[in-house]
Amino acid sequence: MIGSISPVGTQLLSKPTSIVPEAGAAAGTGVASSFAAALADAAAQTQATLRQAEQLSLAGLQGKADTREVVDAVMSAEQALQAAVAIRDKIVTAYLEVSRMGI
């Protein structure tokens, strides 16, 4: 679908994370854990989307699923994978920038 947001992008935008560490947490660990949790959630959602598309594709080959459903699932999986690759690329770029900084 043109103009739709992938499930990964929707999840990342709809779940705000707190910058302030939670009560009882060591300074800085709340941010790291919430960022790690957001990445883990995004990866899990992407994986689930890819699995669903694969299952619908197999069902379509067997004649058990409508062609429209298969196409929608594959397009959704493609969008989710593109979002995951873009996030990975941004993380790698940020890491390389930080590693080049002088101390």
PDB file of N, CA and C in Angstrom:
ATOM      1  N   MET A   1       0.828  -1.175   0.000  1.00  0.00           N
ATOM      2  CA  MET A   1       0.000   0.000   0.000  1.00  0.00           C
ATOM      3  C   MET A   1       0.875   1.241   0.000  1.00  0.00           C
ATOM      4  N   ILE A   2       0.508   2.181  -0.802  1.00  0.00           N
ATOM      5  CA  ILE A   2       1.266   3.419  -0.877  1.00  0.00           C
ATOM      6  C   ILE A   2       0.831   4.319   0.272  1.00  0.00           C
ATOM      7  N   GLY A   3       1.810   4.894   0.953  1.00  0.00           N
ATOM      8  CA  GLY A   3       1.510   5.827   2.028  1.00  0.00           C
ATOM      9  C   GLY A   3       1.257   5.175   3.374  1.00  0.00           C
ATOM     10  N   SER A   4       1.311   3.863   3.446  1.00  0.00           N
ATOM     11  CA  SER A   4       1.094   3.221   4.740  1.00  0.00           C
ATOM     12  C   SER A   4       2.418   3.093   5.477  1.00  0.00           C
ATOM     13  N   ILE A   5       2.331   3.021   6.791  1.00  0.00           N
ATOM     14  CA  ILE A   5       3.517   2.875   7.626  1.00  0.00           C
ATOM     15  C   ILE A   5       3.633   1.412   8.002  1.00  0.00           C
ATOM     16  N   SER A   6       4.841   0.894   7.937  1.00  0.00           N
ATOM     17  CA  SER A   6       5.055  -0.505   8.276  1.00  0.00           C
ATOM     18  C   SER A   6       4.780  -0.725   9.754  1.00  0.00           C
ATOM     19  N   PRO A   7       4.464  -1.961  10.164  1.00  0.00           N
ATOM     20  CA  PRO A   7       4.218  -2.238  11.577  1.00  0.00           C
ATOM     21  C   PRO A   7       5.405  -1.880  12.455  1.00  0.00           C
ATOM     22  N   VAL A   8       6.610  -2.024  11.942  1.00  0.00           N
ATOM     23  CA  VAL A   8       7.792  -1.682  12.731  1.00  0.00           C
ATOM     24  C   VAL A   8       7.823  -0.192  12.993  1.00  0.00           C
ATOM     25  N   GLY A   9       7.617   0.606  11.949  1.00  0.00           N
ATOM     26  CA  GLY A   9       7.615   2.055  12.108  1.00  0.00           C
ATOM     27  C   GLY A   9       6.502   2.526  13.012  1.00  0.00           C
ATOM     28  N   THR A  10       5.326   1.908  12.899  1.00  0.00           N
ATOM     29  CA  THR A  10       4.212   2.267  13.759  1.00  0.00           C
ATOM     30  C   THR A  10       4.535   1.977  15.202  1.00  0.00           C
ATOM     31  N   GLN A  11       5.125   0.826  15.457  1.00  0.00           N
ATOM     32  CA  GLN A  11       5.445   0.456  16.830  1.00  0.00           C
ATOM     33  C   GLN A  11       6.489   1.383  17.416  1.00  0.00           C
ATOM     34  N   LEU A  12       7.504   1.724  16.640  1.00  0.00           N
ATOM     35  CA  LEU A  12       8.551   2.600  17.148  1.00  0.00           C
ATOM     36  C   LEU A  12       8.020   3.998  17.412  1.00  0.00           C
ATOM     37  N   LEU A  13       7.074   4.463  16.585  1.00  0.00           N
ATOM     38  CA  LEU A  13       6.533   5.795  16.780  1.00  0.00           C
ATOM     39  C   LEU A  13       5.471   5.842  17.862  1.00  0.00           C
ATOM     40  N   SER A  14       4.759   4.742  18.081  1.00  0.00           N
ATOM     41  CA  SER A  14       3.663   4.757  19.037  1.00  0.00           C
ATOM     42  C   SER A  14       4.093   4.441  20.455  1.00  0.00           C
ATOM     43  N   LYS A  15       5.295   3.909  20.669  1.00  0.00           N
ATOM     44  CA  LYS A  15       5.759   3.565  22.000  1.00  0.00           C
ATOM     45  C   LYS A  15       6.869   4.519  22.428  1.00  0.00           C
ATOM     46  N   PRO A  16       6.480   5.657  23.044  1.00  0.00           N
ATOM     47  CA  PRO A  16       7.536   6.563  23.494  1.00  0.00           C
ATOM     48  C   PRO A  16       8.324   5.939  24.637  1.00  0.00           C
ATOM     49  N   THR A  17       9.625   6.182  24.627  1.00  0.00           N
ATOM     50  CA  THR A  17      10.467   5.662  25.696  1.00  0.00           C
ATOM     51  C   THR A  17      10.929   6.806  26.562  1.00  0.00           C
ATOM     52  N   SER A  18      11.106   6.528  27.811  1.00  0.00           N
ATOM     53  CA  SER A  18      11.499   7.545  28.765  1.00  0.00           C
ATOM     54  C   SER A  18      13.002   7.769  28.714  1.00  0.00           C
ATOM     55  N   ILE A  19      13.401   9.025  28.747  1.00  0.00           N
ATOM     56  CA  ILE A  19      14.816   9.355  28.783  1.00  0.00           C
ATOM     57  C   ILE A  19      15.308   9.329  30.223  1.00  0.00           C
ATOM     58  N   VAL A  20      14.398   9.560  31.165  1.00  0.00           N
ATOM     59  CA  VAL A  20      14.752   9.568  32.577  1.00  0.00           C
ATOM     60  C   VAL A  20      14.786   8.131  33.077  1.00  0.00           C
ATOM     61  N   PRO A  21      15.884   7.715  33.760  1.00  0.00           N
ATOM     62  CA  PRO A  21      15.948   6.346  34.275  1.00  0.00           C
ATOM     63  C   PRO A  21      14.830   6.098  35.285  1.00  0.00           C
ATOM     64  N   GLU A  22      14.365   4.864  35.310  1.00  0.00           N
ATOM     65  CA  GLU A  22      13.302   4.491  36.234  1.00  0.00           C
ATOM     66  C   GLU A  22      13.821   4.485  37.661  1.00  0.00           C
ATOM     67  N   ALA A  23      12.912   4.606  38.607  1.00  0.00           N
ATOM     68  CA  ALA A  23      13.295   4.631  40.014  1.00  0.00           C
ATOM     69  C   ALA A  23      13.980   3.325  40.383  1.00  0.00           C
ATOM     70  N   GLY A  24      15.087   3.421  41.089  1.00  0.00           N
ATOM     71  CA  GLY A  24      15.817   2.234  41.511  1.00  0.00           C
ATOM     72  C   GLY A  24      16.839   1.760  40.499  1.00  0.00           C
ATOM     73  N   ALA A  25      16.836   2.335  39.310  1.00  0.00           N
ATOM     74  CA  ALA A  25      17.803   1.914  38.284  1.00  0.00           C
ATOM     75  C   ALA A  25      19.048   2.783  38.394  1.00  0.00           C
ATOM     76  N   ALA A  26      20.167   2.209  38.034  1.00  0.00           N
ATOM     77  CA  ALA A  26      21.421   2.966  38.038  1.00  0.00           C
ATOM     78  C   ALA A  26      21.363   4.024  36.950  1.00  0.00           C
ATOM     79  N   ALA A  27      22.086   5.106  37.124  1.00  0.00           N
ATOM     80  CA  ALA A  27      22.068   6.202  36.159  1.00  0.00           C
ATOM     81  C   ALA A  27      22.516   5.706  34.797  1.00  0.00           C
ATOM     82  N   GLY A  28      21.708   5.991  33.769  1.00  0.00           N
ATOM     83  CA  GLY A  28      22.070   5.618  32.410  1.00  0.00           C
ATOM     84  C   GLY A  28      21.552   4.254  31.985  1.00  0.00           C
ATOM     85  N   THR A  29      21.177   3.381  32.894  1.00  0.00           N
ATOM     86  CA  THR A  29      20.723   2.050  32.486  1.00  0.00           C
ATOM     87  C   THR A  29      19.295   2.071  31.976  1.00  0.00           C
ATOM     88  N   GLY A  30      18.457   3.008  32.418  1.00  0.00           N
ATOM     89  CA  GLY A  30      17.077   3.087  31.949  1.00  0.00           C
ATOM     90  C   GLY A  30      17.007   3.421  30.475  1.00  0.00           C
ATOM     91  N   VAL A  31      17.850   4.338  30.036  1.00  0.00           N
ATOM     92  CA  VAL A  31      17.864   4.723  28.633  1.00  0.00           C
ATOM     93  C   VAL A  31      18.370   3.575  27.782  1.00  0.00           C
ATOM     94  N   ALA A  32      19.442   2.945  28.211  1.00  0.00           N
ATOM     95  CA  ALA A  32      20.011   1.844  27.432  1.00  0.00           C
ATOM     96  C   ALA A  32      19.032   0.680  27.343  1.00  0.00           C
ATOM     97  N   SER A  33      18.389   0.359  28.449  1.00  0.00           N
ATOM     98  CA  SER A  33      17.469  -0.780  28.418  1.00  0.00           C
ATOM     99  C   SER A  33      16.224  -0.464  27.606  1.00  0.00           C
ATOM    100  N   SER A  34      15.730   0.778  27.649  1.00  0.00           N
ATOM    101  CA  SER A  34      14.548   1.107  26.861  1.00  0.00           C
ATOM    102  C   SER A  34      14.883   1.127  25.370  1.00  0.00           C
ATOM    103  N   PHE A  35      16.091   1.593  25.018  1.00  0.00           N
ATOM    104  CA  PHE A  35      16.517   1.573  23.618  1.00  0.00           C
ATOM    105  C   PHE A  35      16.694   0.132  23.150  1.00  0.00           C
ATOM    106  N   ALA A  36      17.328  -0.679  23.992  1.00  0.00           N
ATOM    107  CA  ALA A  36      17.511  -2.092  23.649  1.00  0.00           C
ATOM    108  C   ALA A  36      16.160  -2.794  23.534  1.00  0.00           C
ATOM    109  N   ALA A  37      15.241  -2.450  24.423  1.00  0.00           N
ATOM    110  CA  ALA A  37      13.907  -3.059  24.369  1.00  0.00           C
ATOM    111  C   ALA A  37      13.168  -2.640  23.105  1.00  0.00           C
ATOM    112  N   ALA A  38      13.311  -1.372  22.724  1.00  0.00           N
ATOM    113  CA  ALA A  38      12.662  -0.901  21.498  1.00  0.00           C
ATOM    114  C   ALA A  38      13.221  -1.611  20.276  1.00  0.00           C
ATOM    115  N   LEU A  39      14.546  -1.801  20.243  1.00  0.00           N
ATOM    116  CA  LEU A  39      15.153  -2.518  19.118  1.00  0.00           C
ATOM    117  C   LEU A  39      14.728  -3.983  19.101  1.00  0.00           C
ATOM    118  N   ALA A  40      14.669  -4.591  20.282  1.00  0.00           N
ATOM    119  CA  ALA A  40      14.246  -5.990  20.361  1.00  0.00           C
ATOM    120  C   ALA A  40      12.796  -6.145  19.908  1.00  0.00           C
ATOM    121  N   ASP A  41      11.938  -5.212  20.329  1.00  0.00           N
ATOM    122  CA  ASP A  41      10.533  -5.254  19.910  1.00  0.00           C
ATOM    123  C   ASP A  41      10.400  -5.080  18.394  1.00  0.00           C
ATOM    124  N   ALA A  42      11.181  -4.148  17.845  1.00  0.00           N
ATOM    125  CA  ALA A  42      11.135  -3.917  16.403  1.00  0.00           C
ATOM    126  C   ALA A  42      11.611  -5.150  15.638  1.00  0.00           C
ATOM    127  N   ALA A  43      12.676  -5.776  16.133  1.00  0.00           N
ATOM    128  CA  ALA A  43      13.192  -6.980  15.481  1.00  0.00           C
ATOM    129  C   ALA A  43      12.184  -8.128  15.564  1.00  0.00           C
ATOM    130  N   ALA A  44      11.555  -8.271  16.721  1.00  0.00           N
ATOM    131  CA  ALA A  44      10.552  -9.337  16.888  1.00  0.00           C
ATOM    132  C   ALA A  44       9.350  -9.102  15.979  1.00  0.00           C
ATOM    133  N   GLN A  45       8.912  -7.846  15.869  1.00  0.00           N
ATOM    134  CA  GLN A  45       7.776  -7.527  14.999  1.00  0.00           C
ATOM    135  C   GLN A  45       8.122  -7.782  13.537  1.00  0.00           C
ATOM    136  N   THR A  46       9.332  -7.431  13.144  1.00  0.00           N
ATOM    137  CA  THR A  46       9.774  -7.677  11.768  1.00  0.00           C
ATOM    138  C   THR A  46       9.822  -9.170  11.477  1.00  0.00           C
ATOM    139  N   GLN A  47      10.359  -9.920  12.419  1.00  0.00           N
ATOM    140  CA  GLN A  47      10.437 -11.368  12.250  1.00  0.00           C
ATOM    141  C   GLN A  47       9.043 -11.983  12.132  1.00  0.00           C
ATOM    142  N   ALA A  48       8.115 -11.526  12.949  1.00  0.00           N
ATOM    143  CA  ALA A  48       6.741 -12.046  12.890  1.00  0.00           C
ATOM    144  C   ALA A  48       6.084 -11.709  11.553  1.00  0.00           C
ATOM    145  N   THR A  49       6.330 -10.507  11.059  1.00  0.00           N
ATOM    146  CA  THR A  49       5.771 -10.103   9.767  1.00  0.00           C
ATOM    147  C   THR A  49       6.338 -10.954   8.634  1.00  0.00           C
ATOM    148  N   LEU A  50       7.641 -11.217   8.688  1.00  0.00           N
ATOM    149  CA  LEU A  50       8.263 -12.054   7.658  1.00  0.00           C
ATOM    150  C   LEU A  50       7.738 -13.491   7.712  1.00  0.00           C
ATOM    151  N   ARG A  51       7.565 -14.017   8.915  1.00  0.00           N
ATOM    152  CA  ARG A  51       7.017 -15.380   9.055  1.00  0.00           C
ATOM    153  C   ARG A  51       5.600 -15.474   8.513  1.00  0.00           C
ATOM    154  N   GLN A  52       4.783 -14.455   8.832  1.00  0.00           N
ATOM    155  CA  GLN A  52       3.400 -14.461   8.355  1.00  0.00           C
ATOM    156  C   GLN A  52       3.361 -14.424   6.827  1.00  0.00           C
ATOM    157  N   ALA A  53       4.217 -13.609   6.233  1.00  0.00           N
ATOM    158  CA  ALA A  53       4.262 -13.532   4.769  1.00  0.00           C
ATOM    159  C   ALA A  53       4.696 -14.864   4.168  1.00  0.00           C
ATOM    160  N   GLU A  54       5.666 -15.503   4.808  1.00  0.00           N
ATOM    161  CA  GLU A  54       6.124 -16.802   4.312  1.00  0.00           C
ATOM    162  C   GLU A  54       5.008 -17.849   4.390  1.00  0.00           C
ATOM    163  N   GLN A  55       4.291 -17.858   5.511  1.00  0.00           N
ATOM    164  CA  GLN A  55       3.202 -18.821   5.669  1.00  0.00           C
ATOM    165  C   GLN A  55       2.084 -18.572   4.663  1.00  0.00           C
ATOM    166  N   LEU A  56       1.747 -17.300   4.444  1.00  0.00           N
ATOM    167  CA  LEU A  56       0.708 -16.990   3.463  1.00  0.00           C
ATOM    168  C   LEU A  56       1.173 -17.318   2.045  1.00  0.00           C
ATOM    169  N   SER A  57       2.452 -17.140   1.770  1.00  0.00           N
ATOM    170  CA  SER A  57       2.973 -17.493   0.450  1.00  0.00           C
ATOM    171  C   SER A  57       2.852 -18.988   0.202  1.00  0.00           C
ATOM    172  N   LEU A  58       3.197 -19.781   1.209  1.00  0.00           N
ATOM    173  CA  LEU A  58       3.048 -21.232   1.074  1.00  0.00           C
ATOM    174  C   LEU A  58       1.582 -21.631   0.923  1.00  0.00           C
ATOM    175  N   ALA A  59       0.716 -20.993   1.682  1.00  0.00           N
ATOM    176  CA  ALA A  59      -0.717 -21.279   1.552  1.00  0.00           C
ATOM    177  C   ALA A  59      -1.222 -20.870   0.174  1.00  0.00           C
ATOM    178  N   GLY A  60      -0.698 -19.781  -0.363  1.00  0.00           N
ATOM    179  CA  GLY A  60      -1.082 -19.353  -1.707  1.00  0.00           C
ATOM    180  C   GLY A  60      -0.639 -20.343  -2.768  1.00  0.00           C
ATOM    181  N   LEU A  61       0.559 -20.902  -2.598  1.00  0.00           N
ATOM    182  CA  LEU A  61       1.037 -21.910  -3.548  1.00  0.00           C
ATOM    183  C   LEU A  61       0.185 -23.174  -3.505  1.00  0.00           C
ATOM    184  N   GLN A  62      -0.349 -23.471  -2.332  1.00  0.00           N
ATOM    185  CA  GLN A  62      -1.200 -24.647  -2.180  1.00  0.00           C
ATOM    186  C   GLN A  62      -2.643 -24.365  -2.572  1.00  0.00           C
ATOM    187  N   GLY A  63      -2.955 -23.108  -2.897  1.00  0.00           N
ATOM    188  CA  GLY A  63      -4.306 -22.741  -3.295  1.00  0.00           C
ATOM    189  C   GLY A  63      -5.231 -22.492  -2.120  1.00  0.00           C
ATOM    190  N   LYS A  64      -4.700 -22.330  -0.930  1.00  0.00           N
ATOM    191  CA  LYS A  64      -5.517 -22.138   0.271  1.00  0.00           C
ATOM    192  C   LYS A  64      -5.675 -20.671   0.656  1.00  0.00           C
ATOM    193  N   ALA A  65      -4.948 -19.772  -0.002  1.00  0.00           N
ATOM    194  CA  ALA A  65      -5.024 -18.350   0.330  1.00  0.00           C
ATOM    195  C   ALA A  65      -5.277 -17.540  -0.932  1.00  0.00           C
ATOM    196  N   ASP A  66      -5.954 -16.422  -0.755  1.00  0.00           N
ATOM    197  CA  ASP A  66      -6.266 -15.525  -1.853  1.00  0.00           C
ATOM    198  C   ASP A  66      -4.994 -14.799  -2.301  1.00  0.00           C
ATOM    199  N   THR A  67      -4.884 -14.556  -3.576  1.00  0.00           N
ATOM    200  CA  THR A  67      -3.706 -13.893  -4.127  1.00  0.00           C
ATOM    201  C   THR A  67      -3.519 -12.505  -3.525  1.00  0.00           C
ATOM    202  N   ARG A  68      -4.617 -11.810  -3.300  1.00  0.00           N
ATOM    203  CA  ARG A  68      -4.554 -10.462  -2.723  1.00  0.00           C
ATOM    204  C   ARG A  68      -3.935 -10.491  -1.320  1.00  0.00           C
ATOM    205  N   GLU A  69      -4.324 -11.475  -0.519  1.00  0.00           N
ATOM    206  CA  GLU A  69      -3.767 -11.611   0.835  1.00  0.00           C
ATOM    207  C   GLU A  69      -2.263 -11.879   0.779  1.00  0.00           C
ATOM    208  N   VAL A  70      -1.861 -12.722  -0.149  1.00  0.00           N
ATOM    209  CA  VAL A  70      -0.443 -13.057  -0.295  1.00  0.00           C
ATOM    210  C   VAL A  70       0.353 -11.821  -0.693  1.00  0.00           C
ATOM    211  N   VAL A  71      -0.145 -11.068  -1.658  1.00  0.00           N
ATOM    212  CA  VAL A  71       0.545  -9.864  -2.121  1.00  0.00           C
ATOM    213  C   VAL A  71       0.640  -8.840  -0.993  1.00  0.00           C
ATOM    214  N   ASP A  72      -0.452  -8.641  -0.247  1.00  0.00           N
ATOM    215  CA  ASP A  72      -0.432  -7.695   0.875  1.00  0.00           C
ATOM    216  C   ASP A  72       0.576  -8.113   1.940  1.00  0.00           C
ATOM    217  N   ALA A  73       0.620  -9.400   2.261  1.00  0.00           N
ATOM    218  CA  ALA A  73       1.553  -9.894   3.279  1.00  0.00           C
ATOM    219  C   ALA A  73       3.001  -9.744   2.828  1.00  0.00           C
ATOM    220  N   VAL A  74       3.263 -10.033   1.557  1.00  0.00           N
ATOM    221  CA  VAL A  74       4.629  -9.912   1.040  1.00  0.00           C
ATOM    222  C   VAL A  74       5.057  -8.449   0.992  1.00  0.00           C
ATOM    223  N   MET A  75       4.164  -7.562   0.610  1.00  0.00           N
ATOM    224  CA  MET A  75       4.493  -6.135   0.580  1.00  0.00           C
ATOM    225  C   MET A  75       4.743  -5.600   1.987  1.00  0.00           C
ATOM    226  N   SER A  76       3.947  -6.047   2.935  1.00  0.00           N
ATOM    227  CA  SER A  76       4.144  -5.646   4.329  1.00  0.00           C
ATOM    228  C   SER A  76       5.482  -6.154   4.853  1.00  0.00           C
ATOM    229  N   ALA A  77       5.823  -7.382   4.511  1.00  0.00           N
ATOM    230  CA  ALA A  77       7.110  -7.946   4.925  1.00  0.00           C
ATOM    231  C   ALA A  77       8.265  -7.186   4.289  1.00  0.00           C
ATOM    232  N   GLU A  78       8.103  -6.796   3.041  1.00  0.00           N
ATOM    233  CA  GLU A  78       9.157  -6.028   2.365  1.00  0.00           C
ATOM    234  C   GLU A  78       9.357  -4.669   3.035  1.00  0.00           C
ATOM    235  N   GLN A  79       8.272  -4.005   3.397  1.00  0.00           N
ATOM    236  CA  GLN A  79       8.375  -2.715   4.086  1.00  0.00           C
ATOM    237  C   GLN A  79       9.039  -2.876   5.450  1.00  0.00           C
ATOM    238  N   ALA A  80       8.675  -3.916   6.174  1.00  0.00           N
ATOM    239  CA  ALA A  80       9.258  -4.156   7.492  1.00  0.00           C
ATOM    240  C   ALA A  80      10.750  -4.444   7.379  1.00  0.00           C
ATOM    241  N   LEU A  81      11.129  -5.219   6.387  1.00  0.00           N
ATOM    242  CA  LEU A  81      12.547  -5.532   6.188  1.00  0.00           C
ATOM    243  C   LEU A  81      13.335  -4.290   5.783  1.00  0.00           C
ATOM    244  N   GLN A  82      12.766  -3.458   4.923  1.00  0.00           N
ATOM    245  CA  GLN A  82      13.433  -2.217   4.531  1.00  0.00           C
ATOM    246  C   GLN A  82      13.608  -1.291   5.733  1.00  0.00           C
ATOM    247  N   ALA A  83      12.610  -1.229   6.607  1.00  0.00           N
ATOM    248  CA  ALA A  83      12.719  -0.400   7.816  1.00  0.00           C
ATOM    249  C   ALA A  83      13.811  -0.936   8.736  1.00  0.00           C
ATOM    250  N   ALA A  84      13.876  -2.250   8.883  1.00  0.00           N
ATOM    251  CA  ALA A  84      14.896  -2.857   9.742  1.00  0.00           C
ATOM    252  C   ALA A  84      16.298  -2.602   9.194  1.00  0.00           C
ATOM    253  N   VAL A  85      16.452  -2.689   7.885  1.00  0.00           N
ATOM    254  CA  VAL A  85      17.756  -2.432   7.265  1.00  0.00           C
ATOM    255  C   VAL A  85      18.131  -0.960   7.424  1.00  0.00           C
ATOM    256  N   ALA A  86      17.175  -0.064   7.284  1.00  0.00           N
ATOM    257  CA  ALA A  86      17.454   1.365   7.454  1.00  0.00           C
ATOM    258  C   ALA A  86      17.866   1.675   8.888  1.00  0.00           C
ATOM    259  N   ILE A  87      17.200   1.057   9.855  1.00  0.00           N
ATOM    260  CA  ILE A  87      17.569   1.252  11.267  1.00  0.00           C
ATOM    261  C   ILE A  87      18.972   0.717  11.518  1.00  0.00           C
ATOM    262  N   ARG A  88      19.259  -0.456  10.984  1.00  0.00           N
ATOM    263  CA  ARG A  88      20.600  -1.024  11.142  1.00  0.00           C
ATOM    264  C   ARG A  88      21.663  -0.111  10.553  1.00  0.00           C
ATOM    265  N   ASP A  89      21.394   0.421   9.358  1.00  0.00           N
ATOM    266  CA  ASP A  89      22.351   1.308   8.715  1.00  0.00           C
ATOM    267  C   ASP A  89      22.599   2.563   9.544  1.00  0.00           C
ATOM    268  N   LYS A  90      21.550   3.113  10.127  1.00  0.00           N
ATOM    269  CA  LYS A  90      21.702   4.308  10.969  1.00  0.00           C
ATOM    270  C   LYS A  90      22.520   3.996  12.216  1.00  0.00           C
ATOM    271  N   ILE A  91      22.300   2.842  12.810  1.00  0.00           N
ATOM    272  CA  ILE A  91      23.054   2.458  14.003  1.00  0.00           C
ATOM    273  C   ILE A  91      24.527   2.267  13.666  1.00  0.00           C
ATOM    274  N   VAL A  92      24.810   1.622  12.553  1.00  0.00           N
ATOM    275  CA  VAL A  92      26.204   1.409  12.142  1.00  0.00           C
ATOM    276  C   VAL A  92      26.875   2.745  11.847  1.00  0.00           C
ATOM    277  N   THR A  93      26.178   3.645  11.175  1.00  0.00           N
ATOM    278  CA  THR A  93      26.728   4.963  10.876  1.00  0.00           C
ATOM    279  C   THR A  93      27.018   5.729  12.163  1.00  0.00           C
ATOM    280  N   ALA A  94      26.102   5.685  13.109  1.00  0.00           N
ATOM    281  CA  ALA A  94      26.318   6.370  14.386  1.00  0.00           C
ATOM    282  C   ALA A  94      27.502   5.771  15.128  1.00  0.00           C
ATOM    283  N   TYR A  95      27.623   4.463  15.123  1.00  0.00           N
ATOM    284  CA  TYR A  95      28.753   3.805  15.785  1.00  0.00           C
ATOM    285  C   TYR A  95      30.073   4.231  15.151  1.00  0.00           C
ATOM    286  N   LEU A  96      30.115   4.268  13.829  1.00  0.00           N
ATOM    287  CA  LEU A  96      31.345   4.669  13.143  1.00  0.00           C
ATOM    288  C   LEU A  96      31.708   6.121  13.442  1.00  0.00           C
ATOM    289  N   GLU A  97      30.698   6.988  13.533  1.00  0.00           N
ATOM    290  CA  GLU A  97      30.954   8.384  13.884  1.00  0.00           C
ATOM    291  C   GLU A  97      31.528   8.505  15.288  1.00  0.00           C
ATOM    292  N   VAL A  98      30.960   7.780  16.222  1.00  0.00           N
ATOM    293  CA  VAL A  98      31.432   7.827  17.599  1.00  0.00           C
ATOM    294  C   VAL A  98      32.841   7.254  17.694  1.00  0.00           C
ATOM    295  N   SER A  99      33.110   6.204  16.951  1.00  0.00           N
ATOM    296  CA  SER A  99      34.449   5.584  17.027  1.00  0.00           C
ATOM    297  C   SER A  99      35.527   6.474  16.424  1.00  0.00           C
ATOM    298  N   ARG A 100      35.167   7.395  15.549  1.00  0.00           N
ATOM    299  CA  ARG A 100      36.136   8.319  14.947  1.00  0.00           C
ATOM    300  C   ARG A 100      36.405   9.544  15.814  1.00  0.00           C
ATOM    301  N   MET A 101      35.584   9.763  16.836  1.00  0.00           N
ATOM    302  CA  MET A 101      35.755  10.947  17.684  1.00  0.00           C
ATOM    303  C   MET A 101      37.048  10.854  18.496  1.00  0.00           C
ATOM    304  N   GLY A 102      37.676  11.994  18.619  1.00  0.00           N
ATOM    305  CA  GLY A 102      38.877  12.050  19.443  1.00  0.00           C
ATOM    306  C   GLY A 102      38.526  12.164  20.919  1.00  0.00           C
ATOM    307  N   ILE A 103      39.338  11.578  21.723  1.00  0.00           N
ATOM    308  CA  ILE A 103      39.061  11.612  23.166  1.00  0.00           C
ATOM    309  C   ILE A 103      39.890  12.675  23.823  1.00  0.00           C
TER     310      ILE A 103
END
